[in-house]
């Protein structure tokens, strides 16, 4: 999990594939999502302790063939879960 200010709206420029980043607020969670490429959609989900950077080594090869969607799971990378939302999710 990265420590970052809640007001952060874009990952730093040296974050892998930062140019493809966007944020979407759903259910009180600010999700960090990266989209790139064209073709059939391919969803990339990282494992425990990972983030969108987990896919940096393969996105360039996949993007010419797929519409790649990768996201940071809650509490990972740049997806932010406010404390009050976390308490509601895990009472």
PDB file of N, CA and C in Angstrom:
ATOM      1  N   UNK A   1       0.834  -1.166   0.000  1.00  0.00           N
ATOM      2  CA  UNK A   1       0.000   0.000   0.000  1.00  0.00           C
ATOM      3  C   UNK A   1       0.886   1.238   0.000  1.00  0.00           C
ATOM      4  N   UNK A   2       0.536   2.185  -0.848  1.00  0.00           N
ATOM      5  CA  UNK A   2       1.294   3.417  -0.916  1.00  0.00           C
ATOM      6  C   UNK A   2       0.717   4.443   0.042  1.00  0.00           C
ATOM      7  N   UNK A   3       1.573   5.260   0.575  1.00  0.00           N
ATOM      8  CA  UNK A   3       1.108   6.368   1.397  1.00  0.00           C
ATOM      9  C   UNK A   3       1.076   7.593   0.494  1.00  0.00           C
ATOM     10  N   UNK A   4      -0.085   8.219   0.365  1.00  0.00           N
ATOM     11  CA  UNK A   4      -0.207   9.383  -0.484  1.00  0.00           C
ATOM     12  C   UNK A   4      -1.302  10.295   0.040  1.00  0.00           C
ATOM     13  N   UNK A   5      -1.231  11.589  -0.312  1.00  0.00           N
ATOM     14  CA  UNK A   5      -2.275  12.507   0.141  1.00  0.00           C
ATOM     15  C   UNK A   5      -3.607  12.182  -0.517  1.00  0.00           C
ATOM     16  N   UNK A   6      -4.681  12.328   0.243  1.00  0.00           N
ATOM     17  CA  UNK A   6      -6.020  12.037  -0.254  1.00  0.00           C
ATOM     18  C   UNK A   6      -6.365  12.907  -1.454  1.00  0.00           C
ATOM     19  N   UNK A   7      -5.810  14.106  -1.533  1.00  0.00           N
ATOM     20  CA  UNK A   7      -6.137  15.023  -2.616  1.00  0.00           C
ATOM     21  C   UNK A   7      -5.459  14.652  -3.930  1.00  0.00           C
ATOM     22  N   UNK A   8      -4.583  13.671  -3.944  1.00  0.00           N
ATOM     23  CA  UNK A   8      -3.861  13.297  -5.156  1.00  0.00           C
ATOM     24  C   UNK A   8      -4.844  12.856  -6.240  1.00  0.00           C
ATOM     25  N   UNK A   9      -4.797  13.474  -7.400  1.00  0.00           N
ATOM     26  CA  UNK A   9      -5.709  13.153  -8.495  1.00  0.00           C
ATOM     27  C   UNK A   9      -5.025  12.480  -9.669  1.00  0.00           C
ATOM     28  N   UNK A  10      -3.712  12.468  -9.667  1.00  0.00           N
ATOM     29  CA  UNK A  10      -2.987  11.754 -10.708  1.00  0.00           C
ATOM     30  C   UNK A  10      -1.757  11.117 -10.077  1.00  0.00           C
ATOM     31  N   UNK A  11      -1.376   9.952 -10.546  1.00  0.00           N
ATOM     32  CA  UNK A  11      -0.135   9.380 -10.023  1.00  0.00           C
ATOM     33  C   UNK A  11       1.049  10.221 -10.499  1.00  0.00           C
ATOM     34  N   UNK A  12       2.194  10.087  -9.849  1.00  0.00           N
ATOM     35  CA  UNK A  12       3.357  10.861 -10.281  1.00  0.00           C
ATOM     36  C   UNK A  12       3.746  10.468 -11.709  1.00  0.00           C
ATOM     37  N   UNK A  13       4.414  11.358 -12.437  1.00  0.00           N
ATOM     38  CA  UNK A  13       4.739  11.084 -13.837  1.00  0.00           C
ATOM     39  C   UNK A  13       5.614   9.846 -14.046  1.00  0.00           C
ATOM     40  N   UNK A  14       6.348   9.430 -13.022  1.00  0.00           N
ATOM     41  CA  UNK A  14       7.191   8.242 -13.186  1.00  0.00           C
ATOM     42  C   UNK A  14       6.446   6.938 -12.856  1.00  0.00           C
ATOM     43  N   UNK A  15       5.146   7.019 -12.480  1.00  0.00           N
ATOM     44  CA  UNK A  15       4.339   5.817 -12.240  1.00  0.00           C
ATOM     45  C   UNK A  15       4.127   5.135 -13.584  1.00  0.00           C
ATOM     46  N   UNK A  16       4.349   3.807 -13.683  1.00  0.00           N
ATOM     47  CA  UNK A  16       4.172   3.128 -14.971  1.00  0.00           C
ATOM     48  C   UNK A  16       2.791   3.383 -15.576  1.00  0.00           C
ATOM     49  N   UNK A  17       2.773   3.742 -16.848  1.00  0.00           N
ATOM     50  CA  UNK A  17       1.552   3.992 -17.619  1.00  0.00           C
ATOM     51  C   UNK A  17       0.692   5.107 -17.019  1.00  0.00           C
ATOM     52  N   UNK A  18       1.328   6.076 -16.347  1.00  0.00           N
ATOM     53  CA  UNK A  18       0.596   7.187 -15.728  1.00  0.00           C
ATOM     54  C   UNK A  18      -0.270   7.926 -16.743  1.00  0.00           C
ATOM     55  N   UNK A  19       0.157   7.969 -17.988  1.00  0.00           N
ATOM     56  CA  UNK A  19      -0.612   8.651 -19.040  1.00  0.00           C
ATOM     57  C   UNK A  19      -1.996   8.020 -19.245  1.00  0.00           C
ATOM     58  N   UNK A  20      -2.157   6.774 -18.856  1.00  0.00           N
ATOM     59  CA  UNK A  20      -3.414   6.046 -19.055  1.00  0.00           C
ATOM     60  C   UNK A  20      -4.317   6.091 -17.824  1.00  0.00           C
ATOM     61  N   UNK A  21      -3.906   6.811 -16.781  1.00  0.00           N
ATOM     62  CA  UNK A  21      -4.621   6.821 -15.507  1.00  0.00           C
ATOM     63  C   UNK A  21      -5.835   7.736 -15.508  1.00  0.00           C
ATOM     64  N   UNK A  22      -6.850   7.287 -14.770  1.00  0.00           N
ATOM     65  CA  UNK A  22      -8.040   8.093 -14.497  1.00  0.00           C
ATOM     66  C   UNK A  22      -8.551   7.681 -13.126  1.00  0.00           C
ATOM     67  N   UNK A  23      -9.361   8.554 -12.525  1.00  0.00           N
ATOM     68  CA  UNK A  23      -9.961   8.255 -11.228  1.00  0.00           C
ATOM     69  C   UNK A  23     -11.473   8.309 -11.359  1.00  0.00           C
ATOM     70  N   UNK A  24     -12.149   7.370 -10.704  1.00  0.00           N
ATOM     71  CA  UNK A  24     -13.604   7.288 -10.724  1.00  0.00           C
ATOM     72  C   UNK A  24     -14.080   7.036  -9.302  1.00  0.00           C
ATOM     73  N   UNK A  25     -15.017   7.847  -8.838  1.00  0.00           N
ATOM     74  CA  UNK A  25     -15.559   7.646  -7.492  1.00  0.00           C
ATOM     75  C   UNK A  25     -16.837   6.813  -7.588  1.00  0.00           C
ATOM     76  N   UNK A  26     -16.826   5.671  -6.911  1.00  0.00           N
ATOM     77  CA  UNK A  26     -17.971   4.755  -6.882  1.00  0.00           C
ATOM     78  C   UNK A  26     -18.109   4.235  -5.457  1.00  0.00           C
ATOM     79  N   UNK A  27     -19.301   4.376  -4.893  1.00  0.00           N
ATOM     80  CA  UNK A  27     -19.553   3.869  -3.552  1.00  0.00           C
ATOM     81  C   UNK A  27     -18.659   4.476  -2.486  1.00  0.00           C
ATOM     82  N   UNK A  28     -18.235   5.717  -2.701  1.00  0.00           N
ATOM     83  CA  UNK A  28     -17.373   6.382  -1.735  1.00  0.00           C
ATOM     84  C   UNK A  28     -15.903   6.058  -1.879  1.00  0.00           C
ATOM     85  N   UNK A  29     -15.555   5.160  -2.781  1.00  0.00           N
ATOM     86  CA  UNK A  29     -14.157   4.786  -3.025  1.00  0.00           C
ATOM     87  C   UNK A  29     -13.674   5.512  -4.276  1.00  0.00           C
ATOM     88  N   UNK A  30     -12.481   6.112  -4.198  1.00  0.00           N
ATOM     89  CA  UNK A  30     -11.879   6.756  -5.370  1.00  0.00           C
ATOM     90  C   UNK A  30     -10.942   5.737  -6.023  1.00  0.00           C
ATOM     91  N   UNK A  31     -11.432   5.163  -7.136  1.00  0.00           N
ATOM     92  CA  UNK A  31     -10.720   4.095  -7.844  1.00  0.00           C
ATOM     93  C   UNK A  31      -9.707   4.671  -8.825  1.00  0.00           C
ATOM     94  N   UNK A  32      -8.513   4.090  -8.835  1.00  0.00           N
ATOM     95  CA  UNK A  32      -7.509   4.409  -9.852  1.00  0.00           C
ATOM     96  C   UNK A  32      -7.598   3.324 -10.920  1.00  0.00           C
ATOM     97  N   UNK A  33      -7.861   3.756 -12.153  1.00  0.00           N
ATOM     98  CA  UNK A  33      -8.043   2.837 -13.280  1.00  0.00           C
ATOM     99  C   UNK A  33      -7.143   3.292 -14.419  1.00  0.00           C
ATOM    100  N   UNK A  34      -6.555   2.322 -15.121  1.00  0.00           N
ATOM    101  CA  UNK A  34      -5.778   2.640 -16.316  1.00  0.00           C
ATOM    102  C   UNK A  34      -6.409   1.923 -17.505  1.00  0.00           C
ATOM    103  N   UNK A  35      -6.576   2.665 -18.609  1.00  0.00           N
ATOM    104  CA  UNK A  35      -7.130   2.110 -19.845  1.00  0.00           C
ATOM    105  C   UNK A  35      -6.202   2.464 -20.987  1.00  0.00           C
ATOM    106  N   UNK A  36      -5.962   1.480 -21.841  1.00  0.00           N
ATOM    107  CA  UNK A  36      -5.143   1.727 -23.021  1.00  0.00           C
ATOM    108  C   UNK A  36      -5.368   0.639 -24.047  1.00  0.00           C
ATOM    109  N   UNK A  37      -5.091   0.960 -25.297  1.00  0.00           N
ATOM    110  CA  UNK A  37      -5.193  -0.002 -26.374  1.00  0.00           C
ATOM    111  C   UNK A  37      -6.582  -0.093 -26.981  1.00  0.00           C
ATOM    112  N   UNK A  38      -6.666  -0.894 -28.047  1.00  0.00           N
ATOM    113  CA  UNK A  38      -7.904  -1.121 -28.779  1.00  0.00           C
ATOM    114  C   UNK A  38      -8.098  -2.616 -29.003  1.00  0.00           C
ATOM    115  N   UNK A  39      -9.351  -3.000 -29.116  1.00  0.00           N
ATOM    116  CA  UNK A  39      -9.676  -4.403 -29.356  1.00  0.00           C
ATOM    117  C   UNK A  39     -10.554  -4.929 -28.250  1.00  0.00           C
ATOM    118  N   UNK A  40     -10.653  -6.246 -28.117  1.00  0.00           N
ATOM    119  CA  UNK A  40     -11.467  -6.829 -27.042  1.00  0.00           C
ATOM    120  C   UNK A  40     -10.916  -6.396 -25.680  1.00  0.00           C
ATOM    121  N   UNK A  41     -11.801  -6.194 -24.721  1.00  0.00           N
ATOM    122  CA  UNK A  41     -11.382  -5.739 -23.391  1.00  0.00           C
ATOM    123  C   UNK A  41     -10.708  -6.868 -22.616  1.00  0.00           C
ATOM    124  N   UNK A  42      -9.590  -6.540 -22.021  1.00  0.00           N
ATOM    125  CA  UNK A  42      -8.826  -7.457 -21.181  1.00  0.00           C
ATOM    126  C   UNK A  42      -8.680  -6.794 -19.815  1.00  0.00           C
ATOM    127  N   UNK A  43      -9.270  -7.381 -18.780  1.00  0.00           N
ATOM    128  CA  UNK A  43      -9.188  -6.844 -17.422  1.00  0.00           C
ATOM    129  C   UNK A  43      -8.001  -7.468 -16.709  1.00  0.00           C
ATOM    130  N   UNK A  44      -7.114  -6.620 -16.196  1.00  0.00           N
ATOM    131  CA  UNK A  44      -5.937  -7.074 -15.457  1.00  0.00           C
ATOM    132  C   UNK A  44      -6.118  -6.710 -13.989  1.00  0.00           C
ATOM    133  N   UNK A  45      -6.123  -7.702 -13.110  1.00  0.00           N
ATOM    134  CA  UNK A  45      -6.311  -7.493 -11.678  1.00  0.00           C
ATOM    135  C   UNK A  45      -5.064  -8.001 -10.952  1.00  0.00           C
ATOM    136  N   UNK A  46      -4.452  -7.137 -10.175  1.00  0.00           N
ATOM    137  CA  UNK A  46      -3.220  -7.501  -9.466  1.00  0.00           C
ATOM    138  C   UNK A  46      -3.506  -8.386  -8.256  1.00  0.00           C
ATOM    139  N   UNK A  47      -2.471  -8.968  -7.724  1.00  0.00           N
ATOM    140  CA  UNK A  47      -2.575  -9.770  -6.512  1.00  0.00           C
ATOM    141  C   UNK A  47      -2.334  -8.933  -5.266  1.00  0.00           C
ATOM    142  N   UNK A  48      -2.279  -9.596  -4.120  1.00  0.00           N
ATOM    143  CA  UNK A  48      -2.085  -8.912  -2.835  1.00  0.00           C
ATOM    144  C   UNK A  48      -0.780  -8.116  -2.857  1.00  0.00           C
ATOM    145  N   UNK A  49      -0.875  -6.881  -2.396  1.00  0.00           N
ATOM    146  CA  UNK A  49       0.305  -6.026  -2.326  1.00  0.00           C
ATOM    147  C   UNK A  49       0.697  -5.394  -3.636  1.00  0.00           C
ATOM    148  N   UNK A  50      -0.040  -5.652  -4.701  1.00  0.00           N
ATOM    149  CA  UNK A  50       0.291  -5.090  -6.004  1.00  0.00           C
ATOM    150  C   UNK A  50      -0.519  -3.858  -6.323  1.00  0.00           C
ATOM    151  N   UNK A  51      -0.441  -3.444  -7.574  1.00  0.00           N
ATOM    152  CA  UNK A  51      -1.203  -2.300  -8.082  1.00  0.00           C
ATOM    153  C   UNK A  51      -1.106  -2.345  -9.606  1.00  0.00           C
ATOM    154  N   UNK A  52      -1.557  -1.285 -10.259  1.00  0.00           N
ATOM    155  CA  UNK A  52      -1.470  -1.276 -11.720  1.00  0.00           C
ATOM    156  C   UNK A  52      -0.028  -1.426 -12.202  1.00  0.00           C
ATOM    157  N   UNK A  53       0.927  -1.018 -11.379  1.00  0.00           N
ATOM    158  CA  UNK A  53       2.328  -1.147 -11.800  1.00  0.00           C
ATOM    159  C   UNK A  53       2.733  -2.606 -12.007  1.00  0.00           C
ATOM    160  N   UNK A  54       1.959  -3.538 -11.452  1.00  0.00           N
ATOM    161  CA  UNK A  54       2.257  -4.965 -11.627  1.00  0.00           C
ATOM    162  C   UNK A  54       2.239  -5.369 -13.096  1.00  0.00           C
ATOM    163  N   UNK A  55       1.498  -4.613 -13.917  1.00  0.00           N
ATOM    164  CA  UNK A  55       1.318  -4.973 -15.328  1.00  0.00           C
ATOM    165  C   UNK A  55       2.206  -4.169 -16.262  1.00  0.00           C
ATOM    166  N   UNK A  56       3.053  -3.299 -15.740  1.00  0.00           N
ATOM    167  CA  UNK A  56       3.850  -2.398 -16.570  1.00  0.00           C
ATOM    168  C   UNK A  56       4.712  -3.133 -17.594  1.00  0.00           C
ATOM    169  N   UNK A  57       5.163  -4.313 -17.264  1.00  0.00           N
ATOM    170  CA  UNK A  57       6.038  -5.053 -18.168  1.00  0.00           C
ATOM    171  C   UNK A  57       5.342  -5.668 -19.367  1.00  0.00           C
ATOM    172  N   UNK A  58       4.013  -5.721 -19.352  1.00  0.00           N
ATOM    173  CA  UNK A  58       3.323  -6.386 -20.466  1.00  0.00           C
ATOM    174  C   UNK A  58       2.300  -5.511 -21.184  1.00  0.00           C
ATOM    175  N   UNK A  59       1.981  -4.335 -20.668  1.00  0.00           N
ATOM    176  CA  UNK A  59       0.930  -3.531 -21.297  1.00  0.00           C
ATOM    177  C   UNK A  59       1.297  -3.068 -22.703  1.00  0.00           C
ATOM    178  N   UNK A  60       2.546  -2.722 -22.941  1.00  0.00           N
ATOM    179  CA  UNK A  60       2.948  -2.261 -24.274  1.00  0.00           C
ATOM    180  C   UNK A  60       2.753  -3.361 -25.315  1.00  0.00           C
ATOM    181  N   UNK A  61       3.013  -4.606 -24.956  1.00  0.00           N
ATOM    182  CA  UNK A  61       2.835  -5.718 -25.893  1.00  0.00           C
ATOM    183  C   UNK A  61       1.363  -6.069 -26.098  1.00  0.00           C
ATOM    184  N   UNK A  62       0.528  -5.852 -25.076  1.00  0.00           N
ATOM    185  CA  UNK A  62      -0.887  -6.204 -25.168  1.00  0.00           C
ATOM    186  C   UNK A  62      -1.743  -5.117 -25.817  1.00  0.00           C
ATOM    187  N   UNK A  63      -1.367  -3.847 -25.637  1.00  0.00           N
ATOM    188  CA  UNK A  63      -2.195  -2.729 -26.092  1.00  0.00           C
ATOM    189  C   UNK A  63      -2.514  -2.735 -27.591  1.00  0.00           C
ATOM    190  N   UNK A  64      -1.639  -3.196 -28.473  1.00  0.00           N
ATOM    191  CA  UNK A  64      -2.018  -3.220 -29.887  1.00  0.00           C
ATOM    192  C   UNK A  64      -3.136  -4.228 -30.201  1.00  0.00           C
ATOM    193  N   UNK A  65      -3.390  -5.147 -29.288  1.00  0.00           N
ATOM    194  CA  UNK A  65      -4.345  -6.224 -29.554  1.00  0.00           C
ATOM    195  C   UNK A  65      -5.589  -6.186 -28.679  1.00  0.00           C
ATOM    196  N   UNK A  66      -5.511  -5.473 -27.551  1.00  0.00           N
ATOM    197  CA  UNK A  66      -6.601  -5.465 -26.569  1.00  0.00           C
ATOM    198  C   UNK A  66      -6.850  -4.057 -26.037  1.00  0.00           C
ATOM    199  N   UNK A  67      -8.071  -3.839 -25.572  1.00  0.00           N
ATOM    200  CA  UNK A  67      -8.380  -2.662 -24.759  1.00  0.00           C
ATOM    201  C   UNK A  67      -8.103  -3.107 -23.325  1.00  0.00           C
ATOM    202  N   UNK A  68      -7.012  -2.657 -22.762  1.00  0.00           N
ATOM    203  CA  UNK A  68      -6.567  -3.098 -21.444  1.00  0.00           C
ATOM    204  C   UNK A  68      -7.176  -2.194 -20.373  1.00  0.00           C
ATOM    205  N   UNK A  69      -7.791  -2.811 -19.379  1.00  0.00           N
ATOM    206  CA  UNK A  69      -8.307  -2.100 -18.215  1.00  0.00           C
ATOM    207  C   UNK A  69      -7.626  -2.718 -17.000  1.00  0.00           C
ATOM    208  N   UNK A  70      -6.881  -1.915 -16.274  1.00  0.00           N
ATOM    209  CA  UNK A  70      -6.272  -2.383 -15.028  1.00  0.00           C
ATOM    210  C   UNK A  70      -6.657  -1.404 -13.928  1.00  0.00           C
ATOM    211  N   UNK A  71      -6.745  -1.888 -12.713  1.00  0.00           N
ATOM    212  CA  UNK A  71      -7.171  -1.040 -11.611  1.00  0.00           C
ATOM    213  C   UNK A  71      -6.407  -1.389 -10.354  1.00  0.00           C
ATOM    214  N   UNK A  72      -6.353  -0.416  -9.465  1.00  0.00           N
ATOM    215  CA  UNK A  72      -5.803  -0.657  -8.132  1.00  0.00           C
ATOM    216  C   UNK A  72      -6.965  -1.079  -7.245  1.00  0.00           C
ATOM    217  N   UNK A  73      -6.847  -2.224  -6.607  1.00  0.00           N
ATOM    218  CA  UNK A  73      -7.884  -2.683  -5.691  1.00  0.00           C
ATOM    219  C   UNK A  73      -7.937  -1.764  -4.467  1.00  0.00           C
ATOM    220  N   UNK A  74      -9.046  -1.758  -3.723  1.00  0.00           N
ATOM    221  CA  UNK A  74      -9.162  -0.868  -2.560  1.00  0.00           C
ATOM    222  C   UNK A  74      -7.990  -1.019  -1.595  1.00  0.00           C
ATOM    223  N   UNK A  75      -7.398   0.126  -1.235  1.00  0.00           N
ATOM    224  CA  UNK A  75      -6.269   0.134  -0.309  1.00  0.00           C
ATOM    225  C   UNK A  75      -4.931  -0.151  -0.954  1.00  0.00           C
ATOM    226  N   UNK A  76      -4.894  -0.293  -2.275  1.00  0.00           N
ATOM    227  CA  UNK A  76      -3.659  -0.557  -2.998  1.00  0.00           C
ATOM    228  C   UNK A  76      -3.401   0.572  -3.990  1.00  0.00           C
ATOM    229  N   UNK A  77      -2.126   0.789  -4.314  1.00  0.00           N
ATOM    230  CA  UNK A  77      -1.770   1.796  -5.303  1.00  0.00           C
ATOM    231  C   UNK A  77      -2.421   3.130  -4.998  1.00  0.00           C
ATOM    232  N   UNK A  78      -3.160   3.671  -5.965  1.00  0.00           N
ATOM    233  CA  UNK A  78      -3.783   4.978  -5.818  1.00  0.00           C
ATOM    234  C   UNK A  78      -5.295   4.910  -5.647  1.00  0.00           C
ATOM    235  N   UNK A  79      -5.848   3.738  -5.356  1.00  0.00           N
ATOM    236  CA  UNK A  79      -7.271   3.653  -5.009  1.00  0.00           C
ATOM    237  C   UNK A  79      -7.389   3.967  -3.530  1.00  0.00           C
ATOM    238  N   UNK A  80      -8.203   4.968  -3.236  1.00  0.00           N
ATOM    239  CA  UNK A  80      -8.329   5.445  -1.853  1.00  0.00           C
ATOM    240  C   UNK A  80      -9.685   5.080  -1.272  1.00  0.00           C
ATOM    241  N   UNK A  81      -9.667   4.478  -0.083  1.00  0.00           N
ATOM    242  CA  UNK A  81     -10.878   4.160   0.662  1.00  0.00           C
ATOM    243  C   UNK A  81     -10.881   5.027   1.923  1.00  0.00           C
ATOM    244  N   UNK A  82     -11.784   6.021   1.994  1.00  0.00           N
ATOM    245  CA  UNK A  82     -11.842   6.840   3.207  1.00  0.00           C
ATOM    246  C   UNK A  82     -12.160   5.988   4.435  1.00  0.00           C
ATOM    247  N   UNK A  83     -11.697   6.417   5.593  1.00  0.00           N
ATOM    248  CA  UNK A  83     -11.876   5.642   6.832  1.00  0.00           C
ATOM    249  C   UNK A  83     -13.338   5.346   7.121  1.00  0.00           C
ATOM    250  N   UNK A  84     -14.237   6.307   6.895  1.00  0.00           N
ATOM    251  CA  UNK A  84     -15.657   6.049   7.181  1.00  0.00           C
ATOM    252  C   UNK A  84     -16.239   5.002   6.243  1.00  0.00           C
ATOM    253  N   UNK A  85     -15.785   4.970   4.998  1.00  0.00           N
ATOM    254  CA  UNK A  85     -16.246   3.951   4.048  1.00  0.00           C
ATOM    255  C   UNK A  85     -15.701   2.584   4.464  1.00  0.00           C
ATOM    256  N   UNK A  86     -14.445   2.535   4.870  1.00  0.00           N
ATOM    257  CA  UNK A  86     -13.847   1.271   5.323  1.00  0.00           C
ATOM    258  C   UNK A  86     -14.604   0.718   6.532  1.00  0.00           C
ATOM    259  N   UNK A  87     -14.965   1.576   7.468  1.00  0.00           N
ATOM    260  CA  UNK A  87     -15.720   1.111   8.635  1.00  0.00           C
ATOM    261  C   UNK A  87     -17.085   0.535   8.229  1.00  0.00           C
ATOM    262  N   UNK A  88     -17.738   1.154   7.244  1.00  0.00           N
ATOM    263  CA  UNK A  88     -19.020   0.621   6.771  1.00  0.00           C
ATOM    264  C   UNK A  88     -18.841  -0.720   6.060  1.00  0.00           C
ATOM    265  N   UNK A  89     -17.733  -0.872   5.328  1.00  0.00           N
ATOM    266  CA  UNK A  89     -17.460  -2.108   4.582  1.00  0.00           C
ATOM    267  C   UNK A  89     -17.083  -3.246   5.516  1.00  0.00           C
ATOM    268  N   UNK A  90     -16.374  -2.922   6.606  1.00  0.00           N
ATOM    269  CA  UNK A  90     -15.861  -3.920   7.543  1.00  0.00           C
ATOM    270  C   UNK A  90     -16.190  -3.501   8.972  1.00  0.00           C
ATOM    271  N   UNK A  91     -17.471  -3.657   9.367  1.00  0.00           N
ATOM    272  CA  UNK A  91     -17.862  -3.200  10.713  1.00  0.00           C
ATOM    273  C   UNK A  91     -17.198  -4.008  11.830  1.00  0.00           C
TER     274      UNK A  91
END
